[in-house]
Amino acid sequence: MVKICIDRVASQCAKLKSRYIKIENDKTVSEKSGRLSFLLKHKPNEIMTPYDFIYKIVTTLLLNANAFIYPRFDKYP
């Protein structure tokens, strides 16, 4: 029953559009553009869509009460 609830919450969260926003001096700065923003919106890694990526993060967070993302950039594009 718990996993069904987590699935429902994660599937709804995965529909959200991710944004990269930087906060400076307690003021929200507008959305940043660049490589990180592009990767979050279109292709977070080679094998996942943004939907799959967010779904997996939310599921891990709710199951384990802990989740983290480690960005790894290749030297050569």
PDB file of N, CA and C in Angstrom:
ATOM      1  N   MET A   1       0.816  -1.189   0.000  1.00  0.00           N
ATOM      2  CA  MET A   1       0.000   0.000   0.000  1.00  0.00           C
ATOM      3  C   MET A   1       0.865   1.260   0.000  1.00  0.00           C
ATOM      4  N   VAL A   2       1.942   1.244   0.768  1.00  0.00           N
ATOM      5  CA  VAL A   2       2.833   2.395   0.839  1.00  0.00           C
ATOM      6  C   VAL A   2       3.490   2.644  -0.510  1.00  0.00           C
ATOM      7  N   LYS A   3       3.917   1.593  -1.182  1.00  0.00           N
ATOM      8  CA  LYS A   3       4.583   1.759  -2.475  1.00  0.00           C
ATOM      9  C   LYS A   3       3.629   2.296  -3.541  1.00  0.00           C
ATOM     10  N   ILE A   4       2.363   1.957  -3.449  1.00  0.00           N
ATOM     11  CA  ILE A   4       1.379   2.498  -4.389  1.00  0.00           C
ATOM     12  C   ILE A   4       1.234   4.007  -4.165  1.00  0.00           C
ATOM     13  N   CYS A   5       1.186   4.425  -2.905  1.00  0.00           N
ATOM     14  CA  CYS A   5       1.096   5.855  -2.596  1.00  0.00           C
ATOM     15  C   CYS A   5       2.337   6.596  -3.074  1.00  0.00           C
ATOM     16  N   ILE A   6       3.511   6.015  -2.847  1.00  0.00           N
ATOM     17  CA  ILE A   6       4.758   6.635  -3.305  1.00  0.00           C
ATOM     18  C   ILE A   6       4.779   6.735  -4.816  1.00  0.00           C
ATOM     19  N   ASP A   7       4.285   5.709  -5.495  1.00  0.00           N
ATOM     20  CA  ASP A   7       4.225   5.737  -6.955  1.00  0.00           C
ATOM     21  C   ASP A   7       3.356   6.883  -7.443  1.00  0.00           C
ATOM     22  N   ARG A   8       2.216   7.084  -6.811  1.00  0.00           N
ATOM     23  CA  ARG A   8       1.308   8.161  -7.219  1.00  0.00           C
ATOM     24  C   ARG A   8       1.943   9.534  -7.005  1.00  0.00           C
ATOM     25  N   VAL A   9       2.570   9.735  -5.851  1.00  0.00           N
ATOM     26  CA  VAL A   9       3.213  11.015  -5.558  1.00  0.00           C
ATOM     27  C   VAL A   9       4.383  11.250  -6.515  1.00  0.00           C
ATOM     28  N   ALA A  10       5.207  10.241  -6.733  1.00  0.00           N
ATOM     29  CA  ALA A  10       6.377  10.381  -7.608  1.00  0.00           C
ATOM     30  C   ALA A  10       5.961  10.634  -9.052  1.00  0.00           C
ATOM     31  N   SER A  11       4.912   9.976  -9.510  1.00  0.00           N
ATOM     32  CA  SER A  11       4.483  10.188 -10.893  1.00  0.00           C
ATOM     33  C   SER A  11       3.933  11.604 -11.096  1.00  0.00           C
ATOM     34  N   GLN A  12       3.275  12.162 -10.079  1.00  0.00           N
ATOM     35  CA  GLN A  12       2.797  13.540 -10.193  1.00  0.00           C
ATOM     36  C   GLN A  12       3.956  14.540 -10.102  1.00  0.00           C
ATOM     37  N   CYS A  13       4.909  14.282  -9.239  1.00  0.00           N
ATOM     38  CA  CYS A  13       6.077  15.159  -9.122  1.00  0.00           C
ATOM     39  C   CYS A  13       6.914  15.136 -10.393  1.00  0.00           C
ATOM     40  N   ALA A  14       7.000  13.991 -11.037  1.00  0.00           N
ATOM     41  CA  ALA A  14       7.809  13.860 -12.246  1.00  0.00           C
ATOM     42  C   ALA A  14       7.244  14.670 -13.402  1.00  0.00           C
ATOM     43  N   LYS A  15       5.980  15.043 -13.323  1.00  0.00           N
ATOM     44  CA  LYS A  15       5.379  15.865 -14.371  1.00  0.00           C
ATOM     45  C   LYS A  15       5.792  17.334 -14.259  1.00  0.00           C
ATOM     46  N   LEU A  16       6.347  17.715 -13.123  1.00  0.00           N
ATOM     47  CA  LEU A  16       6.777  19.092 -12.932  1.00  0.00           C
ATOM     48  C   LEU A  16       7.986  19.406 -13.804  1.00  0.00           C
ATOM     49  N   LYS A  17       8.090  20.645 -14.224  1.00  0.00           N
ATOM     50  CA  LYS A  17       9.231  21.084 -15.021  1.00  0.00           C
ATOM     51  C   LYS A  17      10.302  21.629 -14.088  1.00  0.00           C
ATOM     52  N   SER A  18      11.506  21.104 -14.193  1.00  0.00           N
ATOM     53  CA  SER A  18      12.592  21.556 -13.332  1.00  0.00           C
ATOM     54  C   SER A  18      13.167  22.870 -13.847  1.00  0.00           C
ATOM     55  N   ARG A  19      13.634  23.682 -12.907  1.00  0.00           N
ATOM     56  CA  ARG A  19      14.246  24.967 -13.253  1.00  0.00           C
ATOM     57  C   ARG A  19      15.493  25.155 -12.408  1.00  0.00           C
ATOM     58  N   TYR A  20      16.452  25.862 -12.945  1.00  0.00           N
ATOM     59  CA  TYR A  20      17.677  26.187 -12.233  1.00  0.00           C
ATOM     60  C   TYR A  20      17.619  27.662 -11.868  1.00  0.00           C
ATOM     61  N   ILE A  21      17.438  27.932 -10.580  1.00  0.00           N
ATOM     62  CA  ILE A  21      17.315  29.305 -10.095  1.00  0.00           C
ATOM     63  C   ILE A  21      18.394  29.522  -9.043  1.00  0.00           C
ATOM     64  N   LYS A  22      19.083  30.628  -9.137  1.00  0.00           N
ATOM     65  CA  LYS A  22      20.135  30.953  -8.188  1.00  0.00           C
ATOM     66  C   LYS A  22      19.667  32.074  -7.272  1.00  0.00           C
ATOM     67  N   ILE A  23      19.941  31.944  -5.978  1.00  0.00           N
ATOM     68  CA  ILE A  23      19.543  32.948  -5.002  1.00  0.00           C
ATOM     69  C   ILE A  23      20.793  33.668  -4.514  1.00  0.00           C
ATOM     70  N   GLU A  24      20.779  35.001  -4.606  1.00  0.00           N
ATOM     71  CA  GLU A  24      21.902  35.815  -4.153  1.00  0.00           C
ATOM     72  C   GLU A  24      21.395  36.905  -3.225  1.00  0.00           C
ATOM     73  N   ASN A  25      22.042  37.066  -2.091  1.00  0.00           N
ATOM     74  CA  ASN A  25      21.713  38.123  -1.130  1.00  0.00           C
ATOM     75  C   ASN A  25      20.231  38.122  -0.741  1.00  0.00           C
ATOM     76  N   ASP A  26      19.702  36.934  -0.472  1.00  0.00           N
ATOM     77  CA  ASP A  26      18.307  36.757  -0.055  1.00  0.00           C
ATOM     78  C   ASP A  26      17.293  37.246  -1.075  1.00  0.00           C
ATOM     79  N   LYS A  27      17.696  37.398  -2.333  1.00  0.00           N
ATOM     80  CA  LYS A  27      16.781  37.783  -3.403  1.00  0.00           C
ATOM     81  C   LYS A  27      16.836  36.720  -4.490  1.00  0.00           C
ATOM     82  N   THR A  28      15.696  36.324  -4.985  1.00  0.00           N
ATOM     83  CA  THR A  28      15.641  35.322  -6.035  1.00  0.00           C
ATOM     84  C   THR A  28      16.011  35.958  -7.369  1.00  0.00           C
ATOM     85  N   VAL A  29      16.950  35.360  -8.027  1.00  0.00           N
ATOM     86  CA  VAL A  29      17.371  35.815  -9.341  1.00  0.00           C
ATOM     87  C   VAL A  29      16.597  35.005 -10.371  1.00  0.00           C
ATOM     88  N   SER A  30      16.350  35.560 -11.504  1.00  0.00           N
ATOM     89  CA  SER A  30      15.579  34.845 -12.522  1.00  0.00           C
ATOM     90  C   SER A  30      16.278  33.561 -12.947  1.00  0.00           C
ATOM     91  N   GLU A  31      15.549  32.749 -13.663  1.00  0.00           N
ATOM     92  CA  GLU A  31      16.051  31.445 -14.084  1.00  0.00           C
ATOM     93  C   GLU A  31      17.323  31.582 -14.900  1.00  0.00           C
ATOM     94  N   LYS A  32      18.313  30.800 -14.553  1.00  0.00           N
ATOM     95  CA  LYS A  32      19.588  30.819 -15.243  1.00  0.00           C
ATOM     96  C   LYS A  32      19.520  29.935 -16.476  1.00  0.00           C
ATOM     97  N   SER A  33      20.197  30.352 -17.507  1.00  0.00           N
ATOM     98  CA  SER A  33      20.297  29.506 -18.689  1.00  0.00           C
ATOM     99  C   SER A  33      21.724  28.985 -18.773  1.00  0.00           C
ATOM    100  N   GLY A  34      21.890  27.882 -19.422  1.00  0.00           N
ATOM    101  CA  GLY A  34      23.208  27.279 -19.549  1.00  0.00           C
ATOM    102  C   GLY A  34      23.106  25.774 -19.608  1.00  0.00           C
ATOM    103  N   ARG A  35      24.236  25.143 -19.455  1.00  0.00           N
ATOM    104  CA  ARG A  35      24.313  23.688 -19.609  1.00  0.00           C
ATOM    105  C   ARG A  35      23.485  22.940 -18.564  1.00  0.00           C
ATOM    106  N   LEU A  36      23.600  23.360 -17.304  1.00  0.00           N
ATOM    107  CA  LEU A  36      22.871  22.681 -16.238  1.00  0.00           C
ATOM    108  C   LEU A  36      21.363  22.806 -16.432  1.00  0.00           C
ATOM    109  N   SER A  37      20.911  23.968 -16.770  1.00  0.00           N
ATOM    110  CA  SER A  37      19.488  24.176 -17.021  1.00  0.00           C
ATOM    111  C   SER A  37      19.000  23.311 -18.186  1.00  0.00           C
ATOM    112  N   PHE A  38      19.787  23.259 -19.256  1.00  0.00           N
ATOM    113  CA  PHE A  38      19.430  22.437 -20.415  1.00  0.00           C
ATOM    114  C   PHE A  38      19.361  20.959 -20.042  1.00  0.00           C
ATOM    115  N   LEU A  39      20.335  20.486 -19.280  1.00  0.00           N
ATOM    116  CA  LEU A  39      20.351  19.074 -18.890  1.00  0.00           C
ATOM    117  C   LEU A  39      19.155  18.714 -18.017  1.00  0.00           C
ATOM    118  N   LEU A  40      18.796  19.573 -17.087  1.00  0.00           N
ATOM    119  CA  LEU A  40      17.646  19.289 -16.230  1.00  0.00           C
ATOM    120  C   LEU A  40      16.349  19.230 -17.021  1.00  0.00           C
ATOM    121  N   LYS A  41      16.216  20.076 -18.030  1.00  0.00           N
ATOM    122  CA  LYS A  41      14.970  20.139 -18.788  1.00  0.00           C
ATOM    123  C   LYS A  41      14.868  19.095 -19.888  1.00  0.00           C
ATOM    124  N   HIS A  42      16.000  18.682 -20.479  1.00  0.00           N
ATOM    125  CA  HIS A  42      15.913  17.860 -21.674  1.00  0.00           C
ATOM    126  C   HIS A  42      16.565  16.479 -21.565  1.00  0.00           C
ATOM    127  N   LYS A  43      17.721  16.364 -20.964  1.00  0.00           N
ATOM    128  CA  LYS A  43      18.407  15.079 -20.931  1.00  0.00           C
ATOM    129  C   LYS A  43      19.340  15.027 -19.719  1.00  0.00           C
ATOM    130  N   PRO A  44      18.823  14.613 -18.557  1.00  0.00           N
ATOM    131  CA  PRO A  44      19.651  14.594 -17.352  1.00  0.00           C
ATOM    132  C   PRO A  44      20.821  13.604 -17.419  1.00  0.00           C
ATOM    133  N   ASN A  45      20.643  12.501 -18.140  1.00  0.00           N
ATOM    134  CA  ASN A  45      21.754  11.576 -18.381  1.00  0.00           C
ATOM    135  C   ASN A  45      21.472  10.770 -19.645  1.00  0.00           C
ATOM    136  N   GLU A  46      22.380   9.885 -19.976  1.00  0.00           N
ATOM    137  CA  GLU A  46      22.287   9.169 -21.250  1.00  0.00           C
ATOM    138  C   GLU A  46      21.109   8.207 -21.330  1.00  0.00           C
ATOM    139  N   ILE A  47      20.664   7.706 -20.198  1.00  0.00           N
ATOM    140  CA  ILE A  47      19.668   6.627 -20.217  1.00  0.00           C
ATOM    141  C   ILE A  47      18.292   7.026 -19.674  1.00  0.00           C
ATOM    142  N   MET A  48      18.122   8.268 -19.224  1.00  0.00           N
ATOM    143  CA  MET A  48      16.849   8.667 -18.625  1.00  0.00           C
ATOM    144  C   MET A  48      16.291   9.932 -19.269  1.00  0.00           C
ATOM    145  N   THR A  49      14.991   9.979 -19.295  1.00  0.00           N
ATOM    146  CA  THR A  49      14.304  11.218 -19.658  1.00  0.00           C
ATOM    147  C   THR A  49      14.168  12.051 -18.375  1.00  0.00           C
ATOM    148  N   PRO A  50      13.826  13.322 -18.487  1.00  0.00           N
ATOM    149  CA  PRO A  50      13.610  14.115 -17.272  1.00  0.00           C
ATOM    150  C   PRO A  50      12.518  13.527 -16.366  1.00  0.00           C
ATOM    151  N   TYR A  51      11.474  12.965 -16.971  1.00  0.00           N
ATOM    152  CA  TYR A  51      10.402  12.332 -16.186  1.00  0.00           C
ATOM    153  C   TYR A  51      10.967  11.176 -15.355  1.00  0.00           C
ATOM    154  N   ASP A  52      11.729  10.291 -15.987  1.00  0.00           N
ATOM    155  CA  ASP A  52      12.309   9.148 -15.277  1.00  0.00           C
ATOM    156  C   ASP A  52      13.257   9.590 -14.162  1.00  0.00           C
ATOM    157  N   PHE A  53      14.045  10.622 -14.446  1.00  0.00           N
ATOM    158  CA  PHE A  53      15.018  11.139 -13.492  1.00  0.00           C
ATOM    159  C   PHE A  53      14.335  11.655 -12.231  1.00  0.00           C
ATOM    160  N   ILE A  54      13.323  12.510 -12.401  1.00  0.00           N
ATOM    161  CA  ILE A  54      12.627  13.073 -11.249  1.00  0.00           C
ATOM    162  C   ILE A  54      11.833  11.995 -10.513  1.00  0.00           C
ATOM    163  N   TYR A  55      11.220  11.082 -11.272  1.00  0.00           N
ATOM    164  CA  TYR A  55      10.470   9.982 -10.656  1.00  0.00           C
ATOM    165  C   TYR A  55      11.384   9.163  -9.741  1.00  0.00           C
ATOM    166  N   LYS A  56      12.558   8.842 -10.206  1.00  0.00           N
ATOM    167  CA  LYS A  56      13.492   8.028  -9.415  1.00  0.00           C
ATOM    168  C   LYS A  56      13.972   8.774  -8.171  1.00  0.00           C
ATOM    169  N   ILE A  57      14.235  10.062  -8.303  1.00  0.00           N
ATOM    170  CA  ILE A  57      14.689  10.855  -7.154  1.00  0.00           C
ATOM    171  C   ILE A  57      13.605  10.937  -6.082  1.00  0.00           C
ATOM    172  N   VAL A  58      12.380  11.228  -6.495  1.00  0.00           N
ATOM    173  CA  VAL A  58      11.277  11.354  -5.533  1.00  0.00           C
ATOM    174  C   VAL A  58      10.978  10.007  -4.880  1.00  0.00           C
ATOM    175  N   THR A  59      10.995   8.942  -5.651  1.00  0.00           N
ATOM    176  CA  THR A  59      10.760   7.607  -5.092  1.00  0.00           C
ATOM    177  C   THR A  59      11.826   7.259  -4.056  1.00  0.00           C
ATOM    178  N   THR A  60      13.080   7.508  -4.372  1.00  0.00           N
ATOM    179  CA  THR A  60      14.172   7.234  -3.436  1.00  0.00           C
ATOM    180  C   THR A  60      14.032   8.082  -2.178  1.00  0.00           C
ATOM    181  N   LEU A  61      13.672   9.342  -2.348  1.00  0.00           N
ATOM    182  CA  LEU A  61      13.496  10.227  -1.198  1.00  0.00           C
ATOM    183  C   LEU A  61      12.389   9.734  -0.275  1.00  0.00           C
ATOM    184  N   LEU A  62      11.271   9.332  -0.833  1.00  0.00           N
ATOM    185  CA  LEU A  62      10.149   8.900  -0.001  1.00  0.00           C
ATOM    186  C   LEU A  62      10.364   7.521   0.614  1.00  0.00           C
ATOM    187  N   LEU A  63      11.060   6.637  -0.078  1.00  0.00           N
ATOM    188  CA  LEU A  63      11.317   5.305   0.478  1.00  0.00           C
ATOM    189  C   LEU A  63      12.391   5.323   1.562  1.00  0.00           C
ATOM    190  N   ASN A  64      13.445   6.108   1.345  1.00  0.00           N
ATOM    191  CA  ASN A  64      14.603   6.069   2.241  1.00  0.00           C
ATOM    192  C   ASN A  64      14.733   7.297   3.132  1.00  0.00           C
ATOM    193  N   ALA A  65      13.864   8.275   2.959  1.00  0.00           N
ATOM    194  CA  ALA A  65      13.940   9.546   3.681  1.00  0.00           C
ATOM    195  C   ALA A  65      15.268  10.251   3.426  1.00  0.00           C
ATOM    196  N   ASN A  66      15.886   9.963   2.277  1.00  0.00           N
ATOM    197  CA  ASN A  66      17.149  10.594   1.922  1.00  0.00           C
ATOM    198  C   ASN A  66      17.397  10.359   0.437  1.00  0.00           C
ATOM    199  N   ALA A  67      17.849  11.387  -0.243  1.00  0.00           N
ATOM    200  CA  ALA A  67      18.221  11.249  -1.653  1.00  0.00           C
ATOM    201  C   ALA A  67      19.182  12.374  -1.996  1.00  0.00           C
ATOM    202  N   PHE A  68      20.113  12.105  -2.888  1.00  0.00           N
ATOM    203  CA  PHE A  68      21.011  13.148  -3.344  1.00  0.00           C
ATOM    204  C   PHE A  68      21.345  12.920  -4.803  1.00  0.00           C
ATOM    205  N   ILE A  69      21.777  13.999  -5.441  1.00  0.00           N
ATOM    206  CA  ILE A  69      22.165  13.947  -6.850  1.00  0.00           C
ATOM    207  C   ILE A  69      23.603  14.400  -6.931  1.00  0.00           C
ATOM    208  N   TYR A  70      24.412  13.608  -7.569  1.00  0.00           N
ATOM    209  CA  TYR A  70      25.816  13.954  -7.748  1.00  0.00           C
ATOM    210  C   TYR A  70      26.054  14.277  -9.217  1.00  0.00           C
ATOM    211  N   PRO A  71      26.241  15.560  -9.543  1.00  0.00           N
ATOM    212  CA  PRO A  71      26.480  15.890 -10.953  1.00  0.00           C
ATOM    213  C   PRO A  71      27.886  15.498 -11.379  1.00  0.00           C
ATOM    214  N   ARG A  72      27.977  14.801 -12.480  1.00  0.00           N
ATOM    215  CA  ARG A  72      29.281  14.402 -13.024  1.00  0.00           C
ATOM    216  C   ARG A  72      29.319  14.874 -14.480  1.00  0.00           C
ATOM    217  N   PHE A  73      30.296  15.680 -14.775  1.00  0.00           N
ATOM    218  CA  PHE A  73      30.435  16.213 -16.126  1.00  0.00           C
ATOM    219  C   PHE A  73      31.640  15.591 -16.794  1.00  0.00           C
ATOM    220  N   ASP A  74      31.464  15.158 -18.028  1.00  0.00           N
ATOM    221  CA  ASP A  74      32.584  14.631 -18.795  1.00  0.00           C
ATOM    222  C   ASP A  74      33.429  15.795 -19.296  1.00  0.00           C
ATOM    223  N   LYS A  75      34.725  15.554 -19.458  1.00  0.00           N
ATOM    224  CA  LYS A  75      35.604  16.606 -19.927  1.00  0.00           C
ATOM    225  C   LYS A  75      35.363  16.898 -21.403  1.00  0.00           C
ATOM    226  N   TYR A  76      34.968  15.868 -22.130  1.00  0.00           N
ATOM    227  CA  TYR A  76      34.761  16.029 -23.564  1.00  0.00           C
ATOM    228  C   TYR A  76      33.281  15.830 -23.885  1.00  0.00           C
ATOM    229  N   PRO A  77      32.673  16.812 -24.552  1.00  0.00           N
ATOM    230  CA  PRO A  77      31.226  16.694 -24.848  1.00  0.00           C
ATOM    231  C   PRO A  77      30.916  15.640 -25.870  1.00  0.00           C
TER     232      PRO A  77
END
